[in-house]
All heavy atoms as atom14 arrays in JSON, in Angstrom:
{
  "sequence": "ALTLTAARQYRPFGEIGGACLEAVAGRHGADVTPDDKRELAEGLGSL",
  "atom14_mask": [
    [1, 1, 1, 1, 1, 0, 0, 0, 0, 0, 0, 0, 0, 0],
    [1, 1, 1, 1, 1, 1, 1, 1, 0, 0, 0, 0, 0, 0],
    [1, 1, 1, 1, 1, 1, 1, 0, 0, 0, 0, 0, 0, 0],
    [1, 1, 1, 1, 1, 1, 1, 1, 0, 0, 0, 0, 0, 0],
    [1, 1, 1, 1, 1, 1, 1, 0, 0, 0, 0, 0, 0, 0],
    [1, 1, 1, 1, 1, 0, 0, 0, 0, 0, 0, 0, 0, 0],
    [1, 1, 1, 1, 1, 0, 0, 0, 0, 0, 0, 0, 0, 0],
    [1, 1, 1, 1, 1, 1, 1, 1, 1, 1, 1, 0, 0, 0],
    [1, 1, 1, 1, 1, 1, 1, 1, 1, 0, 0, 0, 0, 0],
    [1, 1, 1, 1, 1, 1, 1, 1, 1, 1, 1, 1, 0, 0],
    [1, 1, 1, 1, 1, 1, 1, 1, 1, 1, 1, 0, 0, 0],
    [1, 1, 1, 1, 1, 1, 1, 0, 0, 0, 0, 0, 0, 0],
    [1, 1, 1, 1, 1, 1, 1, 1, 1, 1, 1, 0, 0, 0],
    [1, 1, 1, 1, 0, 0, 0, 0, 0, 0, 0, 0, 0, 0],
    [1, 1, 1, 1, 1, 1, 1, 1, 1, 0, 0, 0, 0, 0],
    [1, 1, 1, 1, 1, 1, 1, 1, 0, 0, 0, 0, 0, 0],
    [1, 1, 1, 1, 0, 0, 0, 0, 0, 0, 0, 0, 0, 0],
    [1, 1, 1, 1, 0, 0, 0, 0, 0, 0, 0, 0, 0, 0],
    [1, 1, 1, 1, 1, 0, 0, 0, 0, 0, 0, 0, 0, 0],
    [1, 1, 1, 1, 1, 1, 0, 0, 0, 0, 0, 0, 0, 0],
    [1, 1, 1, 1, 1, 1, 1, 1, 0, 0, 0, 0, 0, 0],
    [1, 1, 1, 1, 1, 1, 1, 1, 1, 0, 0, 0, 0, 0],
    [1, 1, 1, 1, 1, 0, 0, 0, 0, 0, 0, 0, 0, 0],
    [1, 1, 1, 1, 1, 1, 1, 0, 0, 0, 0, 0, 0, 0],
    [1, 1, 1, 1, 1, 0, 0, 0, 0, 0, 0, 0, 0, 0],
    [1, 1, 1, 1, 0, 0, 0, 0, 0, 0, 0, 0, 0, 0],
    [1, 1, 1, 1, 1, 1, 1, 1, 1, 1, 1, 0, 0, 0],
    [1, 1, 1, 1, 1, 1, 1, 1, 1, 1, 0, 0, 0, 0],
    [1, 1, 1, 1, 0, 0, 0, 0, 0, 0, 0, 0, 0, 0],
    [1, 1, 1, 1, 1, 0, 0, 0, 0, 0, 0, 0, 0, 0],
    [1, 1, 1, 1, 1, 1, 1, 1, 0, 0, 0, 0, 0, 0],
    [1, 1, 1, 1, 1, 1, 1, 0, 0, 0, 0, 0, 0, 0],
    [1, 1, 1, 1, 1, 1, 1, 0, 0, 0, 0, 0, 0, 0],
    [1, 1, 1, 1, 1, 1, 1, 0, 0, 0, 0, 0, 0, 0],
    [1, 1, 1, 1, 1, 1, 1, 1, 0, 0, 0, 0, 0, 0],
    [1, 1, 1, 1, 1, 1, 1, 1, 0, 0, 0, 0, 0, 0],
    [1, 1, 1, 1, 1, 1, 1, 1, 1, 0, 0, 0, 0, 0],
    [1, 1, 1, 1, 1, 1, 1, 1, 1, 1, 1, 0, 0, 0],
    [1, 1, 1, 1, 1, 1, 1, 1, 1, 0, 0, 0, 0, 0],
    [1, 1, 1, 1, 1, 1, 1, 1, 0, 0, 0, 0, 0, 0],
    [1, 1, 1, 1, 1, 0, 0, 0, 0, 0, 0, 0, 0, 0],
    [1, 1, 1, 1, 1, 1, 1, 1, 1, 0, 0, 0, 0, 0],
    [1, 1, 1, 1, 0, 0, 0, 0, 0, 0, 0, 0, 0, 0],
    [1, 1, 1, 1, 1, 1, 1, 1, 0, 0, 0, 0, 0, 0],
    [1, 1, 1, 1, 0, 0, 0, 0, 0, 0, 0, 0, 0, 0],
    [1, 1, 1, 1, 1, 1, 0, 0, 0, 0, 0, 0, 0, 0],
    [1, 1, 1, 1, 1, 1, 1, 1, 0, 0, 0, 0, 0, 0]
  ],
  "atom14_positions": [
    [[125.56, 63.13, 279.63], [124.48, 63.11, 278.59], [123.23, 62.4, 279.09], [122.06, 62.91, 278.9], [125.03, 62.33, 277.34], [0.0, 0.0, 0.0], [0.0, 0.0, 0.0], [0.0, 0.0, 0.0], [0.0, 0.0, 0.0], [0.0, 0.0, 0.0], [0.0, 0.0, 0.0], [0.0, 0.0, 0.0], [0.0, 0.0, 0.0], [0.0, 0.0, 0.0]],
    [[123.37, 61.33, 279.89], [122.21, 60.58, 280.42], [121.45, 61.47, 281.33], [120.21, 61.51, 281.43], [122.7, 59.27, 280.97], [123.21, 58.17, 280.08], [123.77, 57.02, 280.9], [122.1, 57.71, 279.13], [0.0, 0.0, 0.0], [0.0, 0.0, 0.0], [0.0, 0.0, 0.0], [0.0, 0.0, 0.0], [0.0, 0.0, 0.0], [0.0, 0.0, 0.0]],
    [[122.23, 62.15, 282.17], [121.59, 62.98, 283.24], [120.85, 64.15, 282.62], [119.63, 64.39, 282.9], [122.67, 63.5, 284.22], [123.31, 62.45, 284.83], [122.04, 64.45, 285.29], [0.0, 0.0, 0.0], [0.0, 0.0, 0.0], [0.0, 0.0, 0.0], [0.0, 0.0, 0.0], [0.0, 0.0, 0.0], [0.0, 0.0, 0.0], [0.0, 0.0, 0.0]],
    [[121.41, 64.83, 281.66], [120.74, 65.88, 280.96], [119.48, 65.42, 280.22], [118.41, 66.05, 280.19], [121.67, 66.61, 279.96], [122.73, 67.4, 280.61], [123.79, 67.78, 279.48], [122.24, 68.64, 281.26], [0.0, 0.0, 0.0], [0.0, 0.0, 0.0], [0.0, 0.0, 0.0], [0.0, 0.0, 0.0], [0.0, 0.0, 0.0], [0.0, 0.0, 0.0]],
    [[119.65, 64.26, 279.58], [118.48, 63.7, 278.84], [117.35, 63.37, 279.75], [116.17, 63.65, 279.53], [118.85, 62.48, 278.08], [119.96, 62.86, 277.13], [117.71, 61.92, 277.24], [0.0, 0.0, 0.0], [0.0, 0.0, 0.0], [0.0, 0.0, 0.0], [0.0, 0.0, 0.0], [0.0, 0.0, 0.0], [0.0, 0.0, 0.0], [0.0, 0.0, 0.0]],
    [[117.66, 62.71, 280.96], [116.62, 62.38, 281.88], [115.95, 63.69, 282.34], [114.75, 63.63, 282.67], [117.21, 61.6, 283.01], [0.0, 0.0, 0.0], [0.0, 0.0, 0.0], [0.0, 0.0, 0.0], [0.0, 0.0, 0.0], [0.0, 0.0, 0.0], [0.0, 0.0, 0.0], [0.0, 0.0, 0.0], [0.0, 0.0, 0.0], [0.0, 0.0, 0.0]],
    [[116.68, 64.72, 282.56], [116.13, 66.07, 282.96], [115.53, 66.79, 281.76], [115.0, 67.88, 282.03], [117.2, 66.83, 283.64], [0.0, 0.0, 0.0], [0.0, 0.0, 0.0], [0.0, 0.0, 0.0], [0.0, 0.0, 0.0], [0.0, 0.0, 0.0], [0.0, 0.0, 0.0], [0.0, 0.0, 0.0], [0.0, 0.0, 0.0], [0.0, 0.0, 0.0]],
    [[115.42, 66.2, 280.65], [114.89, 66.87, 279.45], [115.56, 68.18, 279.15], [114.91, 69.21, 278.68], [113.37, 67.05, 279.61], [112.61, 65.78, 280.03], [112.72, 64.73, 279.11], [111.94, 64.92, 277.81], [111.93, 64.08, 276.81], [112.7, 62.97, 276.83], [111.3, 64.35, 275.74], [0.0, 0.0, 0.0], [0.0, 0.0, 0.0], [0.0, 0.0, 0.0]],
    [[116.82, 68.14, 279.22], [117.71, 69.33, 278.89], [118.59, 68.92, 277.73], [118.82, 67.7, 277.49], [118.47, 69.82, 280.08], [117.64, 70.28, 281.31], [118.52, 70.68, 282.4], [119.72, 70.98, 282.35], [117.86, 70.87, 283.6], [0.0, 0.0, 0.0], [0.0, 0.0, 0.0], [0.0, 0.0, 0.0], [0.0, 0.0, 0.0], [0.0, 0.0, 0.0]],
    [[119.1, 69.91, 277.05], [119.99, 69.63, 275.93], [121.22, 70.54, 275.99], [121.04, 71.78, 276.22], [119.25, 69.77, 274.6], [120.19, 69.6, 273.37], [120.56, 68.28, 272.97], [120.64, 70.65, 272.66], [121.41, 68.1, 272.0], [121.55, 70.47, 271.59], [121.88, 69.14, 271.19], [122.78, 68.95, 270.18], [0.0, 0.0, 0.0], [0.0, 0.0, 0.0]],
    [[122.28, 69.89, 275.7], [123.65, 70.64, 275.54], [124.35, 69.95, 274.4], [124.47, 68.71, 274.45], [124.39, 70.67, 276.76], [125.59, 71.63, 276.78], [126.19, 71.78, 278.08], [127.41, 72.6, 278.06], [128.27, 72.72, 279.06], [128.06, 72.13, 280.21], [129.26, 73.59, 278.96], [0.0, 0.0, 0.0], [0.0, 0.0, 0.0], [0.0, 0.0, 0.0]],
    [[124.88, 70.63, 273.47], [125.63, 69.98, 272.32], [126.76, 69.07, 272.95], [127.37, 69.4, 273.95], [126.26, 71.08, 271.57], [125.18, 72.16, 271.74], [124.87, 72.11, 273.2], [0.0, 0.0, 0.0], [0.0, 0.0, 0.0], [0.0, 0.0, 0.0], [0.0, 0.0, 0.0], [0.0, 0.0, 0.0], [0.0, 0.0, 0.0], [0.0, 0.0, 0.0]],
    [[126.9, 67.87, 272.32], [127.77, 66.86, 272.8], [129.21, 67.42, 272.93], [129.95, 67.05, 273.81], [127.76, 65.69, 271.88], [128.04, 64.36, 272.53], [127.54, 64.01, 273.73], [128.92, 63.42, 271.96], [127.8, 62.79, 274.41], [129.18, 62.2, 272.51], [128.58, 61.92, 273.73], [0.0, 0.0, 0.0], [0.0, 0.0, 0.0], [0.0, 0.0, 0.0]],
    [[129.63, 68.28, 271.95], [131.0, 68.82, 272.01], [131.24, 69.72, 273.29], [132.29, 69.61, 273.79], [0.0, 0.0, 0.0], [0.0, 0.0, 0.0], [0.0, 0.0, 0.0], [0.0, 0.0, 0.0], [0.0, 0.0, 0.0], [0.0, 0.0, 0.0], [0.0, 0.0, 0.0], [0.0, 0.0, 0.0], [0.0, 0.0, 0.0], [0.0, 0.0, 0.0]],
    [[130.19, 70.38, 273.62], [130.29, 71.28, 274.81], [130.44, 70.32, 276.06], [131.23, 70.6, 276.97], [129.18, 72.19, 274.99], [129.01, 73.27, 273.92], [127.86, 74.21, 274.14], [127.28, 74.17, 275.24], [127.58, 74.98, 273.22], [0.0, 0.0, 0.0], [0.0, 0.0, 0.0], [0.0, 0.0, 0.0], [0.0, 0.0, 0.0], [0.0, 0.0, 0.0]],
    [[129.63, 69.31, 276.13], [129.83, 68.41, 277.16], [131.21, 67.68, 277.19], [131.83, 67.59, 278.27], [128.68, 67.2, 277.04], [127.36, 67.7, 277.2], [128.92, 66.1, 278.12], [126.2, 66.72, 276.85], [0.0, 0.0, 0.0], [0.0, 0.0, 0.0], [0.0, 0.0, 0.0], [0.0, 0.0, 0.0], [0.0, 0.0, 0.0], [0.0, 0.0, 0.0]],
    [[131.74, 67.36, 276.06], [133.04, 66.82, 275.94], [134.11, 67.8, 276.5], [135.03, 67.33, 277.2], [0.0, 0.0, 0.0], [0.0, 0.0, 0.0], [0.0, 0.0, 0.0], [0.0, 0.0, 0.0], [0.0, 0.0, 0.0], [0.0, 0.0, 0.0], [0.0, 0.0, 0.0], [0.0, 0.0, 0.0], [0.0, 0.0, 0.0], [0.0, 0.0, 0.0]],
    [[133.97, 69.1, 276.2], [134.96, 69.99, 276.75], [134.91, 70.15, 278.17], [135.94, 70.24, 278.83], [0.0, 0.0, 0.0], [0.0, 0.0, 0.0], [0.0, 0.0, 0.0], [0.0, 0.0, 0.0], [0.0, 0.0, 0.0], [0.0, 0.0, 0.0], [0.0, 0.0, 0.0], [0.0, 0.0, 0.0], [0.0, 0.0, 0.0], [0.0, 0.0, 0.0]],
    [[133.7, 70.2, 278.7], [133.59, 70.32, 280.17], [134.12, 69.09, 280.89], [134.77, 69.17, 281.96], [132.1, 70.47, 280.54], [0.0, 0.0, 0.0], [0.0, 0.0, 0.0], [0.0, 0.0, 0.0], [0.0, 0.0, 0.0], [0.0, 0.0, 0.0], [0.0, 0.0, 0.0], [0.0, 0.0, 0.0], [0.0, 0.0, 0.0], [0.0, 0.0, 0.0]],
    [[133.79, 67.93, 280.34], [134.36, 66.67, 280.91], [135.81, 66.6, 280.8], [136.52, 65.97, 281.71], [133.72, 65.46, 280.3], [131.92, 65.41, 280.73], [0.0, 0.0, 0.0], [0.0, 0.0, 0.0], [0.0, 0.0, 0.0], [0.0, 0.0, 0.0], [0.0, 0.0, 0.0], [0.0, 0.0, 0.0], [0.0, 0.0, 0.0], [0.0, 0.0, 0.0]],
    [[136.39, 67.09, 279.77], [137.85, 67.07, 279.55], [138.53, 67.86, 280.74], [139.46, 67.42, 281.32], [138.29, 67.7, 278.28], [139.82, 67.72, 277.95], [140.34, 66.32, 277.91], [140.05, 68.52, 276.7], [0.0, 0.0, 0.0], [0.0, 0.0, 0.0], [0.0, 0.0, 0.0], [0.0, 0.0, 0.0], [0.0, 0.0, 0.0], [0.0, 0.0, 0.0]],
    [[137.94, 69.06, 281.02], [138.49, 69.87, 282.17], [138.41, 69.0, 283.45], [139.31, 69.03, 284.33], [137.76, 71.08, 282.19], [138.06, 72.08, 281.05], [137.29, 73.31, 281.14], [136.37, 73.44, 282.03], [137.46, 74.25, 280.29], [0.0, 0.0, 0.0], [0.0, 0.0, 0.0], [0.0, 0.0, 0.0], [0.0, 0.0, 0.0], [0.0, 0.0, 0.0]],
    [[137.24, 68.34, 283.7], [137.02, 67.69, 284.92], [138.0, 66.47, 285.04], [138.61, 66.26, 286.14], [135.57, 67.12, 284.96], [0.0, 0.0, 0.0], [0.0, 0.0, 0.0], [0.0, 0.0, 0.0], [0.0, 0.0, 0.0], [0.0, 0.0, 0.0], [0.0, 0.0, 0.0], [0.0, 0.0, 0.0], [0.0, 0.0, 0.0], [0.0, 0.0, 0.0]],
    [[138.23, 65.7, 284.0], [139.11, 64.58, 284.07], [140.5, 65.05, 284.2], [141.35, 64.48, 284.95], [138.83, 63.72, 282.86], [139.98, 62.61, 282.67], [137.55, 63.03, 282.92], [0.0, 0.0, 0.0], [0.0, 0.0, 0.0], [0.0, 0.0, 0.0], [0.0, 0.0, 0.0], [0.0, 0.0, 0.0], [0.0, 0.0, 0.0], [0.0, 0.0, 0.0]],
    [[140.9, 66.06, 283.46], [142.34, 66.56, 283.52], [142.57, 67.08, 284.95], [143.7, 66.83, 285.54], [142.5, 67.67, 282.54], [0.0, 0.0, 0.0], [0.0, 0.0, 0.0], [0.0, 0.0, 0.0], [0.0, 0.0, 0.0], [0.0, 0.0, 0.0], [0.0, 0.0, 0.0], [0.0, 0.0, 0.0], [0.0, 0.0, 0.0], [0.0, 0.0, 0.0]],
    [[141.58, 67.71, 285.58], [141.77, 68.17, 286.92], [142.01, 67.1, 287.94], [142.86, 67.22, 288.84], [0.0, 0.0, 0.0], [0.0, 0.0, 0.0], [0.0, 0.0, 0.0], [0.0, 0.0, 0.0], [0.0, 0.0, 0.0], [0.0, 0.0, 0.0], [0.0, 0.0, 0.0], [0.0, 0.0, 0.0], [0.0, 0.0, 0.0], [0.0, 0.0, 0.0]],
    [[141.36, 65.94, 287.72], [141.55, 64.88, 288.52], [142.97, 64.29, 288.57], [143.49, 63.66, 289.51], [140.59, 63.68, 288.15], [139.06, 63.88, 288.38], [138.37, 62.73, 287.81], [136.85, 63.01, 287.84], [136.02, 62.24, 287.32], [136.39, 61.06, 286.61], [134.73, 62.49, 287.36], [0.0, 0.0, 0.0], [0.0, 0.0, 0.0], [0.0, 0.0, 0.0]],
    [[143.6, 64.5, 287.41], [145.0, 64.05, 287.23], [145.97, 65.17, 287.42], [147.13, 64.98, 287.03], [145.16, 63.49, 285.84], [144.32, 62.16, 285.66], [144.85, 60.87, 286.0], [143.04, 61.92, 285.23], [143.9, 59.92, 285.79], [142.88, 60.53, 285.29], [0.0, 0.0, 0.0], [0.0, 0.0, 0.0], [0.0, 0.0, 0.0], [0.0, 0.0, 0.0]],
    [[145.57, 66.27, 287.9], [146.41, 67.43, 288.19], [146.89, 68.19, 286.9], [147.93, 68.9, 287.04], [0.0, 0.0, 0.0], [0.0, 0.0, 0.0], [0.0, 0.0, 0.0], [0.0, 0.0, 0.0], [0.0, 0.0, 0.0], [0.0, 0.0, 0.0], [0.0, 0.0, 0.0], [0.0, 0.0, 0.0], [0.0, 0.0, 0.0], [0.0, 0.0, 0.0]],
    [[146.12, 68.15, 285.88], [146.48, 68.89, 284.63], [145.53, 69.96, 284.3], [144.35, 69.9, 284.75], [146.56, 67.83, 283.44], [0.0, 0.0, 0.0], [0.0, 0.0, 0.0], [0.0, 0.0, 0.0], [0.0, 0.0, 0.0], [0.0, 0.0, 0.0], [0.0, 0.0, 0.0], [0.0, 0.0, 0.0], [0.0, 0.0, 0.0], [0.0, 0.0, 0.0]],
    [[145.97, 70.94, 283.68], [145.17, 72.14, 283.3], [144.9, 72.0, 281.73], [145.72, 71.53, 281.01], [145.82, 73.4, 283.48], [146.07, 73.74, 284.97], [145.05, 73.39, 285.69], [147.03, 74.24, 285.31], [0.0, 0.0, 0.0], [0.0, 0.0, 0.0], [0.0, 0.0, 0.0], [0.0, 0.0, 0.0], [0.0, 0.0, 0.0], [0.0, 0.0, 0.0]],
    [[143.69, 72.31, 281.28], [143.29, 72.22, 279.96], [143.41, 73.62, 279.29], [142.76, 74.56, 279.86], [141.96, 71.63, 279.81], [141.44, 71.71, 278.34], [141.9, 70.25, 280.35], [0.0, 0.0, 0.0], [0.0, 0.0, 0.0], [0.0, 0.0, 0.0], [0.0, 0.0, 0.0], [0.0, 0.0, 0.0], [0.0, 0.0, 0.0], [0.0, 0.0, 0.0]],
    [[144.06, 73.7, 278.14], [144.15, 74.91, 277.36], [143.25, 74.91, 276.22], [142.73, 73.81, 275.8], [145.62, 75.25, 276.84], [145.88, 74.09, 275.92], [146.63, 74.98, 278.05], [0.0, 0.0, 0.0], [0.0, 0.0, 0.0], [0.0, 0.0, 0.0], [0.0, 0.0, 0.0], [0.0, 0.0, 0.0], [0.0, 0.0, 0.0], [0.0, 0.0, 0.0]],
    [[142.99, 76.08, 275.54], [142.16, 76.06, 274.38], [142.71, 75.18, 273.28], [142.0, 74.5, 272.5], [142.12, 77.52, 273.89], [142.26, 78.28, 275.21], [143.2, 77.43, 276.08], [0.0, 0.0, 0.0], [0.0, 0.0, 0.0], [0.0, 0.0, 0.0], [0.0, 0.0, 0.0], [0.0, 0.0, 0.0], [0.0, 0.0, 0.0], [0.0, 0.0, 0.0]],
    [[144.1, 75.05, 273.22], [144.77, 74.27, 272.23], [144.45, 72.81, 272.54], [144.29, 71.98, 271.6], [146.26, 74.44, 272.22], [146.71, 75.71, 271.54], [145.82, 76.37, 270.79], [147.82, 76.22, 271.88], [0.0, 0.0, 0.0], [0.0, 0.0, 0.0], [0.0, 0.0, 0.0], [0.0, 0.0, 0.0], [0.0, 0.0, 0.0], [0.0, 0.0, 0.0]],
    [[144.37, 72.4, 273.71], [144.01, 71.02, 274.1], [142.6, 70.64, 273.57], [142.4, 69.55, 273.07], [144.06, 70.79, 275.69], [145.45, 70.91, 276.15], [146.38, 70.49, 275.46], [145.6, 71.41, 277.31], [0.0, 0.0, 0.0], [0.0, 0.0, 0.0], [0.0, 0.0, 0.0], [0.0, 0.0, 0.0], [0.0, 0.0, 0.0], [0.0, 0.0, 0.0]],
    [[141.69, 71.59, 273.81], [140.25, 71.3, 273.4], [140.23, 71.24, 271.86], [139.57, 70.44, 271.32], [139.36, 72.44, 273.86], [139.11, 72.38, 275.43], [138.12, 73.37, 275.78], [137.84, 73.29, 277.29], [136.76, 74.21, 277.69], [0.0, 0.0, 0.0], [0.0, 0.0, 0.0], [0.0, 0.0, 0.0], [0.0, 0.0, 0.0], [0.0, 0.0, 0.0]],
    [[141.07, 72.03, 271.17], [141.09, 71.96, 269.64], [141.63, 70.68, 269.25], [141.17, 70.04, 268.28], [141.84, 73.2, 269.11], [141.11, 74.47, 269.03], [141.79, 75.44, 268.2], [143.03, 75.99, 268.83], [143.05, 77.03, 269.68], [141.97, 77.69, 269.96], [144.18, 77.39, 270.23], [0.0, 0.0, 0.0], [0.0, 0.0, 0.0], [0.0, 0.0, 0.0]],
    [[142.66, 70.22, 269.91], [143.38, 68.94, 269.53], [142.36, 67.79, 269.71], [142.33, 66.93, 268.92], [144.62, 68.79, 270.36], [145.43, 67.44, 270.0], [146.68, 67.3, 270.74], [147.09, 68.17, 271.39], [147.28, 66.15, 270.57], [0.0, 0.0, 0.0], [0.0, 0.0, 0.0], [0.0, 0.0, 0.0], [0.0, 0.0, 0.0], [0.0, 0.0, 0.0]],
    [[141.64, 67.9, 270.86], [140.66, 66.76, 271.09], [139.55, 66.84, 269.96], [139.23, 65.71, 269.47], [140.03, 66.95, 272.51], [138.92, 65.93, 272.78], [139.44, 64.53, 272.77], [138.32, 66.25, 274.14], [0.0, 0.0, 0.0], [0.0, 0.0, 0.0], [0.0, 0.0, 0.0], [0.0, 0.0, 0.0], [0.0, 0.0, 0.0], [0.0, 0.0, 0.0]],
    [[139.1, 67.97, 269.73], [138.02, 68.14, 268.61], [138.55, 67.58, 267.29], [137.85, 66.9, 266.53], [137.58, 69.56, 268.54], [0.0, 0.0, 0.0], [0.0, 0.0, 0.0], [0.0, 0.0, 0.0], [0.0, 0.0, 0.0], [0.0, 0.0, 0.0], [0.0, 0.0, 0.0], [0.0, 0.0, 0.0], [0.0, 0.0, 0.0], [0.0, 0.0, 0.0]],
    [[139.73, 67.89, 267.0], [140.37, 67.4, 265.75], [140.48, 65.97, 265.66], [140.29, 65.25, 264.71], [141.66, 68.1, 265.48], [141.53, 69.6, 265.07], [142.9, 70.29, 265.08], [143.95, 69.64, 265.38], [143.0, 71.57, 264.91], [0.0, 0.0, 0.0], [0.0, 0.0, 0.0], [0.0, 0.0, 0.0], [0.0, 0.0, 0.0], [0.0, 0.0, 0.0]],
    [[140.92, 65.37, 266.86], [141.04, 63.92, 266.94], [139.76, 63.18, 266.79], [139.65, 62.19, 266.23], [0.0, 0.0, 0.0], [0.0, 0.0, 0.0], [0.0, 0.0, 0.0], [0.0, 0.0, 0.0], [0.0, 0.0, 0.0], [0.0, 0.0, 0.0], [0.0, 0.0, 0.0], [0.0, 0.0, 0.0], [0.0, 0.0, 0.0], [0.0, 0.0, 0.0]],
    [[138.74, 63.77, 267.5], [137.39, 63.18, 267.35], [136.89, 63.26, 265.93], [136.24, 62.29, 265.52], [136.39, 63.95, 268.26], [136.35, 63.58, 269.72], [135.57, 64.62, 270.49], [135.84, 62.11, 270.0], [0.0, 0.0, 0.0], [0.0, 0.0, 0.0], [0.0, 0.0, 0.0], [0.0, 0.0, 0.0], [0.0, 0.0, 0.0], [0.0, 0.0, 0.0]],
    [[137.29, 64.24, 265.22], [136.78, 64.41, 263.83], [137.58, 63.48, 262.79], [137.14, 63.32, 261.71], [0.0, 0.0, 0.0], [0.0, 0.0, 0.0], [0.0, 0.0, 0.0], [0.0, 0.0, 0.0], [0.0, 0.0, 0.0], [0.0, 0.0, 0.0], [0.0, 0.0, 0.0], [0.0, 0.0, 0.0], [0.0, 0.0, 0.0], [0.0, 0.0, 0.0]],
    [[138.59, 62.88, 263.29], [139.46, 62.04, 262.37], [139.7, 60.65, 262.9], [140.7, 60.01, 262.65], [140.76, 62.77, 262.04], [141.47, 63.03, 263.29], [0.0, 0.0, 0.0], [0.0, 0.0, 0.0], [0.0, 0.0, 0.0], [0.0, 0.0, 0.0], [0.0, 0.0, 0.0], [0.0, 0.0, 0.0], [0.0, 0.0, 0.0], [0.0, 0.0, 0.0]],
    [[138.77, 60.1, 263.78], [138.89, 58.79, 264.25], [138.88, 57.72, 263.18], [138.12, 57.87, 262.26], [137.73, 58.5, 265.25], [137.68, 59.32, 266.49], [136.33, 58.96, 267.24], [138.88, 58.9, 267.45], [0.0, 0.0, 0.0], [0.0, 0.0, 0.0], [0.0, 0.0, 0.0], [0.0, 0.0, 0.0], [0.0, 0.0, 0.0], [0.0, 0.0, 0.0]]
  ]
}
């Protein structure tokens, strides 16, 4: 988010979250499914 803002670019925060989920899961040897992204979105909406 900081990098995109400094570059005067915009991407919805949820899209950034999904992309970062894939990156972090990959670091831990896990694959992300559409269900995983939905579960994360639901979790964020009910914190």
